[in-house]
Amino acid sequence: MLDLILLGNGAMLPLPNRWLSSFVVRYGSDLILFDCGEGTQIAQREHGWGFRRISTICLSHWHADHVAGLPGILFSLANAERTEPVHIYGPAETIRVVNGLREVAPYMPFDLHIQELGDGDRFELLPGMTASVVSGDHRHTPQLAWRLDVPRQRKFDPVAATRLGIPQRVWGQLQRGELVSIDGNVIEPDAVLGPERRGVSLGFITDTRPLPAHAPFFHDVDLLISESTYMNASDHDKAVAFGHMTMDEAVGLAQTARARRLLLTHFSAAIAEPLDYAETLRERFPAGEIGVSGWQTTLAFADE
C-alpha cells in the first residue's frame, strides 16, 4: 500500500498558494520524497506528515525549483532527531549539486548517501519496492522519469498444502517462492500458490518533452503524476523550447501508457488557476485530476 500527498504543484516560481514541485510517498514506516523545490519543508509541515521518517529522496533533475528546498529538508530531518541514514537518488551530477547545497547544511546527525542513476536503471529502493528510471529531454539537463512497483505475492493455498502433507513449518518458504525438500521429495511453490496477482505501481514524470520510451515505461501504472507546465495547446512551441509538456501531451502519454489514473502538476506561474481546467481534463481523460497542494490518495492492492 502506498499513501501519497502532493506538496507542491508549481513550476519555476513559487506563488502564495502554489509551492514548488514535491510530493511524498508513505510506504510502511518510510517516507519517500520526490523532488524538493523551495519551501517543501513548509508545505510538509502545513499538512502534518512529519520529517523523521524521510529515508529516501528521489530527484527528477537538479534545477532550482526541484532541489532548492533540500537544505531546509535536511535541517528539518535533523531537528526531528533523525539519526538513521538518508539516501538521495538522482541523475548525473547529483552528487556535485547536493554537495554544493550542503555548504549551508554541512553537519547532519545522519549519514547521507548519494547515488547517481542513468537511463534504464532498476533497483530495490526499499525492501519489497522496486524503482526504475528512464531519461527525459529537458534543455540538455540530465533528467529522470521515475516508476515505483510493489509486487504482490501469489496467494498461498493452505488446503492444497494440507492435502499434500506439507508441514506448516515450511509454508513460509513456499509462499516466498522457494523450493522445499521433504523426505527426499521436492515441492515446488506452484503446487500451493495461486495465479499471479497485480501489484501496485506509481509513475512520475516532470520537466521533459514526451519521448517514445515513456509510454511503455509507464504501461498500466495505477497513477501517473505528470507535469503539465502549459495547459493550452497554443503554448506547444513554448513547451518544445523549454523542455516541458502541454496538458494535451500529458493526457496523450497517459492514454498511450494505459495509465489507470492521471494527476497533473507543475503548472506555470502564468496559469492563474489550474482548477479552471479540471472539466476539460476529465473530458479528455475521465480518471484525470488537477493536482493541488494537500491532494492525497492511497494506492492499494486490487481487493484491499
C-alpha atoms as a PDB file:
ATOM      1  CA  MET A   1       0.000   0.000   0.000  1.00  0.00           C
ATOM      2  CA  LEU A   2       1.237   3.469  -0.924  1.00  0.00           C
ATOM      3  CA  ASP A   3      -0.100   6.661   0.658  1.00  0.00           C
ATOM      4  CA  LEU A   4       0.678   9.810  -1.274  1.00  0.00           C
ATOM      5  CA  ILE A   5       0.427  13.556  -0.726  1.00  0.00           C
ATOM      6  CA  LEU A   6       1.193  16.282  -3.252  1.00  0.00           C
ATOM      7  CA  LEU A   7       3.001  19.137  -1.531  1.00  0.00           C
ATOM      8  CA  GLY A   8       3.928  21.458  -4.376  1.00  0.00           C
ATOM      9  CA  ASN A   9       2.374  21.860  -7.827  1.00  0.00           C
ATOM     10  CA  GLY A  10       4.216  24.923  -9.084  1.00  0.00           C
ATOM     11  CA  ALA A  11       6.822  25.389 -11.787  1.00  0.00           C
ATOM     12  CA  MET A  12       9.782  27.741 -11.835  1.00  0.00           C
ATOM     13  CA  LEU A  13       8.418  30.375  -9.419  1.00  0.00           C
ATOM     14  CA  PRO A  14       6.569  29.839  -6.123  1.00  0.00           C
ATOM     15  CA  LEU A  15       3.266  31.644  -5.716  1.00  0.00           C
ATOM     16  CA  PRO A  16       1.400  32.481  -2.482  1.00  0.00           C
ATOM     17  CA  ASN A  17      -0.892  29.463  -2.985  1.00  0.00           C
ATOM     18  CA  ARG A  18       1.454  27.280  -5.029  1.00  0.00           C
ATOM     19  CA  TRP A  19       4.577  25.660  -3.606  1.00  0.00           C
ATOM     20  CA  LEU A  20       7.184  24.269  -5.961  1.00  0.00           C
ATOM     21  CA  SER A  21       7.484  20.676  -7.141  1.00  0.00           C
ATOM     22  CA  SER A  22       7.367  17.984  -4.451  1.00  0.00           C
ATOM     23  CA  PHE A  23       5.338  15.035  -3.256  1.00  0.00           C
ATOM     24  CA  VAL A  24       5.708  12.333  -0.619  1.00  0.00           C
ATOM     25  CA  VAL A  25       5.007   8.596  -0.714  1.00  0.00           C
ATOM     26  CA  ARG A  26       4.485   6.687   2.526  1.00  0.00           C
ATOM     27  CA  TYR A  27       5.438   3.018   2.281  1.00  0.00           C
ATOM     28  CA  GLY A  28       5.348   1.102   5.529  1.00  0.00           C
ATOM     29  CA  SER A  29       7.314   3.108   8.070  1.00  0.00           C
ATOM     30  CA  ASP A  30       9.288   5.048   5.419  1.00  0.00           C
ATOM     31  CA  LEU A  31       8.599   8.326   3.673  1.00  0.00           C
ATOM     32  CA  ILE A  32       9.966   8.860   0.155  1.00  0.00           C
ATOM     33  CA  LEU A  33      10.255  12.465  -1.013  1.00  0.00           C
ATOM     34  CA  PHE A  34      10.148  13.148  -4.748  1.00  0.00           C
ATOM     35  CA  ASP A  35      11.781  16.471  -5.620  1.00  0.00           C
ATOM     36  CA  CYS A  36      12.045  19.270  -3.085  1.00  0.00           C
ATOM     37  CA  GLY A  37      11.565  22.720  -4.517  1.00  0.00           C
ATOM     38  CA  GLU A  38      11.909  25.827  -2.397  1.00  0.00           C
ATOM     39  CA  GLY A  39       9.525  25.741   0.565  1.00  0.00           C
ATOM     40  CA  THR A  40       8.938  21.988   0.580  1.00  0.00           C
ATOM     41  CA  GLN A  41       9.510  21.728   4.329  1.00  0.00           C
ATOM     42  CA  ILE A  42       6.859  24.426   4.918  1.00  0.00           C
ATOM     43  CA  ALA A  43       4.245  22.581   2.871  1.00  0.00           C
ATOM     44  CA  GLN A  44       5.086  19.292   4.556  1.00  0.00           C
ATOM     45  CA  ARG A  45       4.755  20.861   7.987  1.00  0.00           C
ATOM     46  CA  GLU A  46       1.485  22.505   6.966  1.00  0.00           C
ATOM     47  CA  HIS A  47      -0.038  19.127   6.087  1.00  0.00           C
ATOM     48  CA  GLY A  48       1.360  17.377   9.165  1.00  0.00           C
ATOM     49  CA  TRP A  49       3.235  14.495   7.553  1.00  0.00           C
ATOM     50  CA  GLY A  50       6.360  14.896   9.676  1.00  0.00           C
ATOM     51  CA  PHE A  51      10.007  14.567   8.719  1.00  0.00           C
ATOM     52  CA  ARG A  52      11.776  11.942  10.788  1.00  0.00           C
ATOM     53  CA  ARG A  53      10.727   9.026   8.599  1.00  0.00           C
ATOM     54  CA  ILE A  54      12.053  10.512   5.366  1.00  0.00           C
ATOM     55  CA  SER A  55      14.592   7.856   4.450  1.00  0.00           C
ATOM     56  CA  THR A  56      14.778   8.449   0.708  1.00  0.00           C
ATOM     57  CA  ILE A  57      14.811  11.471  -1.614  1.00  0.00           C
ATOM     58  CA  CYS A  58      14.359  10.916  -5.355  1.00  0.00           C
ATOM     59  CA  LEU A  59      15.184  13.743  -7.742  1.00  0.00           C
ATOM     60  CA  SER A  60      13.994  14.191 -11.302  1.00  0.00           C
ATOM     61  CA  HIS A  61      16.761  16.711 -12.101  1.00  0.00           C
ATOM     62  CA  TRP A  62      18.636  19.460 -10.342  1.00  0.00           C
ATOM     63  CA  HIS A  63      17.029  22.722 -11.484  1.00  0.00           C
ATOM     64  CA  ALA A  64      16.358  25.042  -8.550  1.00  0.00           C
ATOM     65  CA  ASP A  65      12.571  24.618  -8.492  1.00  0.00           C
ATOM     66  CA  HIS A  66      13.147  20.907  -7.824  1.00  0.00           C
ATOM     67  CA  VAL A  67      16.115  20.904  -5.416  1.00  0.00           C
ATOM     68  CA  ALA A  68      16.468  24.321  -3.748  1.00  0.00           C
ATOM     69  CA  GLY A  69      14.437  23.109  -0.775  1.00  0.00           C
ATOM     70  CA  LEU A  70      16.941  20.364   0.041  1.00  0.00           C
ATOM     71  CA  PRO A  71      18.897  22.258   2.748  1.00  0.00           C
ATOM     72  CA  GLY A  72      15.636  23.020   4.546  1.00  0.00           C
ATOM     73  CA  ILE A  73      14.555  19.381   4.349  1.00  0.00           C
ATOM     74  CA  LEU A  74      17.888  18.240   5.784  1.00  0.00           C
ATOM     75  CA  PHE A  75      17.624  20.755   8.623  1.00  0.00           C
ATOM     76  CA  SER A  76      14.060  19.587   9.317  1.00  0.00           C
ATOM     77  CA  LEU A  77      15.266  15.985   9.449  1.00  0.00           C
ATOM     78  CA  ALA A  78      17.995  16.955  11.885  1.00  0.00           C
ATOM     79  CA  ASN A  79      15.546  18.877  14.061  1.00  0.00           C
ATOM     80  CA  ALA A  80      13.271  15.818  14.034  1.00  0.00           C
ATOM     81  CA  GLU A  81      16.213  13.916  15.594  1.00  0.00           C
ATOM     82  CA  ARG A  82      16.710  11.507  12.739  1.00  0.00           C
ATOM     83  CA  THR A  83      19.934   9.550  13.068  1.00  0.00           C
ATOM     84  CA  GLU A  84      19.325   6.792  10.507  1.00  0.00           C
ATOM     85  CA  PRO A  85      20.940   7.197   7.053  1.00  0.00           C
ATOM     86  CA  VAL A  86      19.189   9.147   4.314  1.00  0.00           C
ATOM     87  CA  HIS A  87      19.557   8.135   0.660  1.00  0.00           C
ATOM     88  CA  ILE A  88      19.372  10.569  -2.253  1.00  0.00           C
ATOM     89  CA  TYR A  89      18.983   9.339  -5.835  1.00  0.00           C
ATOM     90  CA  GLY A  90      19.162  11.467  -8.948  1.00  0.00           C
ATOM     91  CA  PRO A  91      20.597  11.812 -12.448  1.00  0.00           C
ATOM     92  CA  ALA A  92      24.186  12.563 -13.431  1.00  0.00           C
ATOM     93  CA  GLU A  93      25.839  15.382 -11.453  1.00  0.00           C
ATOM     94  CA  THR A  94      23.508  14.969  -8.494  1.00  0.00           C
ATOM     95  CA  ILE A  95      26.499  14.429  -6.175  1.00  0.00           C
ATOM     96  CA  ARG A  96      28.038  17.750  -7.217  1.00  0.00           C
ATOM     97  CA  VAL A  97      24.762  19.657  -6.867  1.00  0.00           C
ATOM     98  CA  VAL A  98      23.811  18.160  -3.496  1.00  0.00           C
ATOM     99  CA  ASN A  99      27.274  18.741  -2.069  1.00  0.00           C
ATOM    100  CA  GLY A 100      27.024  22.362  -3.211  1.00  0.00           C
ATOM    101  CA  LEU A 101      23.677  22.817  -1.477  1.00  0.00           C
ATOM    102  CA  ARG A 102      25.102  21.218   1.657  1.00  0.00           C
ATOM    103  CA  GLU A 103      27.550  24.095   2.049  1.00  0.00           C
ATOM    104  CA  VAL A 104      24.768  25.736   4.089  1.00  0.00           C
ATOM    105  CA  ALA A 105      23.941  22.491   5.897  1.00  0.00           C
ATOM    106  CA  PRO A 106      27.327  20.806   6.393  1.00  0.00           C
ATOM    107  CA  TYR A 107      26.741  18.954   9.657  1.00  0.00           C
ATOM    108  CA  MET A 108      23.923  16.447   9.964  1.00  0.00           C
ATOM    109  CA  PRO A 109      23.304  13.810  12.682  1.00  0.00           C
ATOM    110  CA  PHE A 110      22.809  11.158   9.989  1.00  0.00           C
ATOM    111  CA  ASP A 111      24.829   9.767   7.109  1.00  0.00           C
ATOM    112  CA  LEU A 112      23.836  11.000   3.651  1.00  0.00           C
ATOM    113  CA  HIS A 113      24.301   8.571   0.769  1.00  0.00           C
ATOM    114  CA  ILE A 114      24.022   9.992  -2.757  1.00  0.00           C
ATOM    115  CA  GLN A 115      23.719   7.776  -5.826  1.00  0.00           C
ATOM    116  CA  GLU A 116      23.568   8.844  -9.459  1.00  0.00           C
ATOM    117  CA  LEU A 117      21.362   6.876 -11.849  1.00  0.00           C
ATOM    118  CA  GLY A 118      21.150   6.512 -15.600  1.00  0.00           C
ATOM    119  CA  ASP A 119      18.686   5.528 -18.282  1.00  0.00           C
ATOM    120  CA  GLY A 120      17.218   2.069 -17.666  1.00  0.00           C
ATOM    121  CA  ASP A 121      18.461   1.618 -14.108  1.00  0.00           C
ATOM    122  CA  ARG A 122      16.269  -0.593 -11.928  1.00  0.00           C
ATOM    123  CA  PHE A 123      16.935  -1.375  -8.271  1.00  0.00           C
ATOM    124  CA  GLU A 124      15.370  -2.124  -4.888  1.00  0.00           C
ATOM    125  CA  LEU A 125      14.557   1.271  -3.416  1.00  0.00           C
ATOM    126  CA  LEU A 126      13.176  -0.174  -0.163  1.00  0.00           C
ATOM    127  CA  PRO A 127      12.511  -3.793   0.826  1.00  0.00           C
ATOM    128  CA  GLY A 128       9.673  -5.022  -1.354  1.00  0.00           C
ATOM    129  CA  MET A 129       9.697  -1.944  -3.612  1.00  0.00           C
ATOM    130  CA  THR A 130      11.449  -1.621  -6.976  1.00  0.00           C
ATOM    131  CA  ALA A 131      12.370   1.709  -8.561  1.00  0.00           C
ATOM    132  CA  SER A 132      13.064   2.213 -12.265  1.00  0.00           C
ATOM    133  CA  VAL A 133      14.179   5.275 -14.207  1.00  0.00           C
ATOM    134  CA  VAL A 134      14.414   6.371 -17.830  1.00  0.00           C
ATOM    135  CA  SER A 135      15.888   9.539 -19.252  1.00  0.00           C
ATOM    136  CA  GLY A 136      13.971  12.573 -20.422  1.00  0.00           C
ATOM    137  CA  ASP A 137      14.675  15.593 -22.611  1.00  0.00           C
ATOM    138  CA  HIS A 138      14.955  18.883 -20.702  1.00  0.00           C
ATOM    139  CA  ARG A 139      17.214  21.529 -22.188  1.00  0.00           C
ATOM    140  CA  HIS A 140      20.402  19.448 -22.105  1.00  0.00           C
ATOM    141  CA  THR A 141      19.999  18.835 -18.364  1.00  0.00           C
ATOM    142  CA  PRO A 142      20.213  15.226 -17.071  1.00  0.00           C
ATOM    143  CA  GLN A 143      16.640  14.238 -16.220  1.00  0.00           C
ATOM    144  CA  LEU A 144      14.918  11.097 -14.983  1.00  0.00           C
ATOM    145  CA  ALA A 145      11.347   9.843 -15.080  1.00  0.00           C
ATOM    146  CA  TRP A 146      10.538   7.510 -12.187  1.00  0.00           C
ATOM    147  CA  ARG A 147       8.434   4.410 -11.666  1.00  0.00           C
ATOM    148  CA  LEU A 148       7.779   2.566  -8.386  1.00  0.00           C
ATOM    149  CA  ASP A 149       6.484  -1.011  -8.299  1.00  0.00           C
ATOM    150  CA  VAL A 150       5.366  -3.023  -5.292  1.00  0.00           C
ATOM    151  CA  PRO A 151       4.783  -6.609  -6.473  1.00  0.00           C
ATOM    152  CA  ARG A 152       2.231  -8.784  -4.760  1.00  0.00           C
ATOM    153  CA  GLN A 153       2.880 -12.320  -3.596  1.00  0.00           C
ATOM    154  CA  ARG A 154       0.765 -15.081  -5.032  1.00  0.00           C
ATOM    155  CA  LYS A 155      -1.945 -16.304  -2.668  1.00  0.00           C
ATOM    156  CA  PHE A 156      -0.973 -19.320  -0.587  1.00  0.00           C
ATOM    157  CA  ASP A 157      -3.452 -22.246  -0.609  1.00  0.00           C
ATOM    158  CA  PRO A 158      -3.394 -23.902   2.841  1.00  0.00           C
ATOM    159  CA  VAL A 159      -5.933 -26.523   1.730  1.00  0.00           C
ATOM    160  CA  ALA A 160      -3.635 -27.712  -1.053  1.00  0.00           C
ATOM    161  CA  ALA A 161      -0.649 -27.667   1.304  1.00  0.00           C
ATOM    162  CA  THR A 162      -2.520 -29.780   3.861  1.00  0.00           C
ATOM    163  CA  ARG A 163      -3.707 -32.195   1.197  1.00  0.00           C
ATOM    164  CA  LEU A 164      -0.105 -32.673   0.061  1.00  0.00           C
ATOM    165  CA  GLY A 165       1.004 -33.268   3.647  1.00  0.00           C
ATOM    166  CA  ILE A 166       3.348 -30.294   3.716  1.00  0.00           C
ATOM    167  CA  PRO A 167       4.225 -29.333   7.304  1.00  0.00           C
ATOM    168  CA  GLN A 168       3.357 -25.787   8.309  1.00  0.00           C
ATOM    169  CA  ARG A 169       6.950 -25.009   9.248  1.00  0.00           C
ATOM    170  CA  VAL A 170       7.858 -24.728   5.532  1.00  0.00           C
ATOM    171  CA  TRP A 171       4.742 -22.940   4.314  1.00  0.00           C
ATOM    172  CA  GLY A 172       6.504 -19.593   4.546  1.00  0.00           C
ATOM    173  CA  GLN A 173       9.327 -20.773   2.284  1.00  0.00           C
ATOM    174  CA  LEU A 174       6.869 -21.936  -0.358  1.00  0.00           C
ATOM    175  CA  GLN A 175       4.964 -18.667  -0.150  1.00  0.00           C
ATOM    176  CA  ARG A 176       8.223 -16.829  -0.833  1.00  0.00           C
ATOM    177  CA  GLY A 177       8.685 -18.922  -3.973  1.00  0.00           C
ATOM    178  CA  GLU A 178      11.362 -21.217  -2.578  1.00  0.00           C
ATOM    179  CA  LEU A 179      11.696 -24.934  -3.322  1.00  0.00           C
ATOM    180  CA  VAL A 180      11.220 -27.228  -0.327  1.00  0.00           C
ATOM    181  CA  SER A 181      12.571 -30.757   0.111  1.00  0.00           C
ATOM    182  CA  ILE A 182      10.629 -33.137   2.391  1.00  0.00           C
ATOM    183  CA  ASP A 183      11.878 -36.686   2.867  1.00  0.00           C
ATOM    184  CA  GLY A 184      13.682 -36.502  -0.456  1.00  0.00           C
ATOM    185  CA  ASN A 185      10.653 -35.143  -2.317  1.00  0.00           C
ATOM    186  CA  VAL A 186      10.974 -31.665  -3.816  1.00  0.00           C
ATOM    187  CA  ILE A 187       7.870 -29.481  -3.510  1.00  0.00           C
ATOM    188  CA  GLU A 188       7.600 -26.601  -5.954  1.00  0.00           C
ATOM    189  CA  PRO A 189       5.829 -23.368  -4.944  1.00  0.00           C
ATOM    190  CA  ASP A 190       3.429 -23.716  -7.895  1.00  0.00           C
ATOM    191  CA  ALA A 191       1.831 -26.649  -6.096  1.00  0.00           C
ATOM    192  CA  VAL A 192       0.440 -24.405  -3.363  1.00  0.00           C
ATOM    193  CA  LEU A 193       0.357 -20.920  -4.881  1.00  0.00           C
ATOM    194  CA  GLY A 194      -2.456 -19.332  -6.846  1.00  0.00           C
ATOM    195  CA  PRO A 195      -2.131 -17.297 -10.058  1.00  0.00           C
ATOM    196  CA  GLU A 196      -0.039 -14.176 -10.383  1.00  0.00           C
ATOM    197  CA  ARG A 197      -1.620 -11.104  -8.797  1.00  0.00           C
ATOM    198  CA  ARG A 198      -1.341  -7.489  -9.845  1.00  0.00           C
ATOM    199  CA  GLY A 199       0.812  -5.285  -7.650  1.00  0.00           C
ATOM    200  CA  VAL A 200       0.780  -1.515  -7.186  1.00  0.00           C
ATOM    201  CA  SER A 201       2.645   0.984  -9.356  1.00  0.00           C
ATOM    202  CA  LEU A 202       3.271   4.725  -9.497  1.00  0.00           C
ATOM    203  CA  GLY A 203       4.801   6.849 -12.252  1.00  0.00           C
ATOM    204  CA  PHE A 204       6.299  10.333 -12.037  1.00  0.00           C
ATOM    205  CA  ILE A 205       7.430  12.482 -14.940  1.00  0.00           C
ATOM    206  CA  THR A 206       8.251  16.178 -14.963  1.00  0.00           C
ATOM    207  CA  ASP A 207      10.375  18.709 -16.832  1.00  0.00           C
ATOM    208  CA  THR A 208      10.755  16.793 -20.061  1.00  0.00           C
ATOM    209  CA  ARG A 209       9.381  16.503 -23.523  1.00  0.00           C
ATOM    210  CA  PRO A 210       7.451  13.255 -24.085  1.00  0.00           C
ATOM    211  CA  LEU A 211       9.710  10.619 -25.612  1.00  0.00           C
ATOM    212  CA  PRO A 212       8.864   7.282 -27.309  1.00  0.00           C
ATOM    213  CA  ALA A 213      10.301   5.321 -24.346  1.00  0.00           C
ATOM    214  CA  HIS A 214       7.981   6.945 -21.808  1.00  0.00           C
ATOM    215  CA  ALA A 215       4.666   5.263 -22.686  1.00  0.00           C
ATOM    216  CA  PRO A 216       5.962   1.663 -22.424  1.00  0.00           C
ATOM    217  CA  PHE A 217       7.877   2.614 -19.277  1.00  0.00           C
ATOM    218  CA  PHE A 218       4.647   3.745 -17.597  1.00  0.00           C
ATOM    219  CA  HIS A 219       2.462   0.964 -19.002  1.00  0.00           C
ATOM    220  CA  ASP A 220      -0.528   0.178 -16.756  1.00  0.00           C
ATOM    221  CA  VAL A 221       0.593   2.258 -13.752  1.00  0.00           C
ATOM    222  CA  ASP A 222      -2.088   2.804 -11.131  1.00  0.00           C
ATOM    223  CA  LEU A 223      -1.294   6.506 -11.055  1.00  0.00           C
ATOM    224  CA  LEU A 224       0.780   8.672 -13.375  1.00  0.00           C
ATOM    225  CA  ILE A 225       1.857  12.008 -11.917  1.00  0.00           C
ATOM    226  CA  SER A 226       2.775  14.165 -14.865  1.00  0.00           C
ATOM    227  CA  GLU A 227       3.848  17.709 -15.399  1.00  0.00           C
ATOM    228  CA  SER A 228       1.508  19.958 -17.339  1.00  0.00           C
ATOM    229  CA  THR A 229       3.501  23.160 -17.348  1.00  0.00           C
ATOM    230  CA  TYR A 230       1.367  24.542 -20.162  1.00  0.00           C
ATOM    231  CA  MET A 231      -2.360  23.876 -20.152  1.00  0.00           C
ATOM    232  CA  ASN A 232      -3.228  25.226 -23.591  1.00  0.00           C
ATOM    233  CA  ALA A 233      -2.321  23.640 -26.917  1.00  0.00           C
ATOM    234  CA  SER A 234      -1.445  27.109 -28.195  1.00  0.00           C
ATOM    235  CA  ASP A 235       1.614  27.019 -25.921  1.00  0.00           C
ATOM    236  CA  HIS A 236       3.083  23.981 -27.672  1.00  0.00           C
ATOM    237  CA  ASP A 237       6.004  25.954 -29.086  1.00  0.00           C
ATOM    238  CA  LYS A 238       6.907  27.172 -25.586  1.00  0.00           C
ATOM    239  CA  ALA A 239       6.756  23.614 -24.310  1.00  0.00           C
ATOM    240  CA  VAL A 240       9.157  22.497 -27.019  1.00  0.00           C
ATOM    241  CA  ALA A 241      11.508  25.429 -26.450  1.00  0.00           C
ATOM    242  CA  PHE A 242      11.725  24.945 -22.676  1.00  0.00           C
ATOM    243  CA  GLY A 243      11.564  21.144 -22.484  1.00  0.00           C
ATOM    244  CA  HIS A 244       8.093  20.736 -20.980  1.00  0.00           C
ATOM    245  CA  MET A 245       4.673  19.294 -21.848  1.00  0.00           C
ATOM    246  CA  THR A 246       1.230  20.674 -22.501  1.00  0.00           C
ATOM    247  CA  MET A 247      -1.889  19.157 -20.964  1.00  0.00           C
ATOM    248  CA  ASP A 248      -2.709  17.511 -24.307  1.00  0.00           C
ATOM    249  CA  GLU A 249       0.693  15.827 -24.341  1.00  0.00           C
ATOM    250  CA  ALA A 250       0.389  14.644 -20.734  1.00  0.00           C
ATOM    251  CA  VAL A 251      -3.053  13.198 -21.492  1.00  0.00           C
ATOM    252  CA  GLY A 252      -1.712  11.564 -24.648  1.00  0.00           C
ATOM    253  CA  LEU A 253       1.091   9.950 -22.664  1.00  0.00           C
ATOM    254  CA  ALA A 254      -1.349   8.620 -20.055  1.00  0.00           C
ATOM    255  CA  GLN A 255      -3.651   7.253 -22.759  1.00  0.00           C
ATOM    256  CA  THR A 256      -0.873   5.540 -24.684  1.00  0.00           C
ATOM    257  CA  ALA A 257       0.583   4.097 -21.472  1.00  0.00           C
ATOM    258  CA  ARG A 258      -2.909   2.936 -20.396  1.00  0.00           C
ATOM    259  CA  ALA A 259      -2.385   4.577 -17.029  1.00  0.00           C
ATOM    260  CA  ARG A 260      -5.341   3.996 -14.736  1.00  0.00           C
ATOM    261  CA  ARG A 261      -5.288   7.465 -13.210  1.00  0.00           C
ATOM    262  CA  LEU A 262      -3.591  10.740 -14.062  1.00  0.00           C
ATOM    263  CA  LEU A 263      -2.628  13.636 -11.797  1.00  0.00           C
ATOM    264  CA  LEU A 264      -1.411  16.838 -13.440  1.00  0.00           C
ATOM    265  CA  THR A 265       1.032  19.131 -11.641  1.00  0.00           C
ATOM    266  CA  HIS A 266       3.956  21.547 -12.199  1.00  0.00           C
ATOM    267  CA  PHE A 267       1.893  24.441 -13.525  1.00  0.00           C
ATOM    268  CA  SER A 268       3.430  27.577 -14.990  1.00  0.00           C
ATOM    269  CA  ALA A 269       3.028  30.763 -12.954  1.00  0.00           C
ATOM    270  CA  ALA A 270       1.226  32.156 -15.995  1.00  0.00           C
ATOM    271  CA  ILE A 271      -1.697  29.798 -15.259  1.00  0.00           C
ATOM    272  CA  ALA A 272      -3.806  31.774 -12.807  1.00  0.00           C
ATOM    273  CA  GLU A 273      -5.958  28.850 -11.627  1.00  0.00           C
ATOM    274  CA  PRO A 274      -5.156  25.280 -12.726  1.00  0.00           C
ATOM    275  CA  LEU A 275      -8.512  24.033 -11.399  1.00  0.00           C
ATOM    276  CA  ASP A 276     -10.216  26.002 -14.182  1.00  0.00           C
ATOM    277  CA  TYR A 277      -9.029  23.200 -16.481  1.00  0.00           C
ATOM    278  CA  ALA A 278     -10.470  20.335 -14.402  1.00  0.00           C
ATOM    279  CA  GLU A 279     -13.561  19.801 -16.566  1.00  0.00           C
ATOM    280  CA  THR A 280     -11.550  19.887 -19.791  1.00  0.00           C
ATOM    281  CA  LEU A 281      -9.142  17.320 -18.346  1.00  0.00           C
ATOM    282  CA  ARG A 282     -11.974  14.968 -17.323  1.00  0.00           C
ATOM    283  CA  GLU A 283     -13.471  15.189 -20.808  1.00  0.00           C
ATOM    284  CA  ARG A 284     -10.175  14.032 -22.278  1.00  0.00           C
ATOM    285  CA  PHE A 285      -9.188  11.603 -19.516  1.00  0.00           C
ATOM    286  CA  PRO A 286     -12.066  10.733 -17.165  1.00  0.00           C
ATOM    287  CA  ALA A 287      -9.710   9.488 -14.425  1.00  0.00           C
ATOM    288  CA  GLY A 288      -7.661  12.675 -14.570  1.00  0.00           C
ATOM    289  CA  GLU A 289      -7.310  15.233 -11.775  1.00  0.00           C
ATOM    290  CA  ILE A 290      -5.671  18.605 -11.279  1.00  0.00           C
ATOM    291  CA  GLY A 291      -3.062  18.460  -8.537  1.00  0.00           C
ATOM    292  CA  VAL A 292      -3.331  20.939  -5.664  1.00  0.00           C
ATOM    293  CA  SER A 293      -1.214  21.178  -2.539  1.00  0.00           C
ATOM    294  CA  GLY A 294      -2.549  18.710   0.007  1.00  0.00           C
ATOM    295  CA  TRP A 295      -4.093  16.342  -2.556  1.00  0.00           C
ATOM    296  CA  GLN A 296      -3.893  12.823  -1.117  1.00  0.00           C
ATOM    297  CA  THR A 297      -4.629   9.304  -2.258  1.00  0.00           C
ATOM    298  CA  THR A 298      -3.867   5.685  -1.407  1.00  0.00           C
ATOM    299  CA  LEU A 299      -2.802   3.041  -3.908  1.00  0.00           C
ATOM    300  CA  ALA A 300      -3.705  -0.410  -2.611  1.00  0.00           C
ATOM    301  CA  PHE A 301      -3.856  -3.950  -3.974  1.00  0.00           C
ATOM    302  CA  ALA A 302      -6.971  -4.543  -6.025  1.00  0.00           C
ATOM    303  CA  ASP A 303      -9.107  -6.242  -3.366  1.00  0.00           C
ATOM    304  CA  GLU A 304      -7.993  -4.146  -0.386  1.00  0.00           C
END
